[in-house]
Amino acid sequence: MDTSTSDNRNIGYRVYEVINNRDYAALEELFDPQVVRHAAGEIGLAKARKAMEKAFESGPKKFVVEDLLAEGDKVALRVSVEGFPPVTGKIGLTIIEIFRIENGRVVEIWGAGMAIPVME
């Protein structure tokens, strides 16, 4: 069963809702068991879950979806991370990700994070 672009948009937002709520069990309904995380060179839901748990080890964070674009089976997101410890001065972290969605689940993830100056 293919999902619509609208469904895929909702899945993109839902992924970050689940992460912010630390509802890792809900990842099983959102991610394919063999999800591929290209940037990390990893395959599998267990590894994706561990990476998300690790994101909170250095303290509380909130992931804010600033932009989300969907077309066909792909969803692109720009996500800012609140609570990211700055190295020097006012530095923020932005994540750019692309999800490929198949049958209502994320099957592939491409992503990169970058430290950027915080504009006031």
Foldseek 3Di string as FASTA:
>chain_A
DFDDQVLLQVLVVVVLVCLLVVVLVCLPQAADQQAAEPVVRDTGSVVVNVVSVVVCPVHHKHKAFPDWDTDGQKIWTKIWIPPDDDPDDAKTKIKIKMFGDGPNYTRYIYMDMDIDHDDD
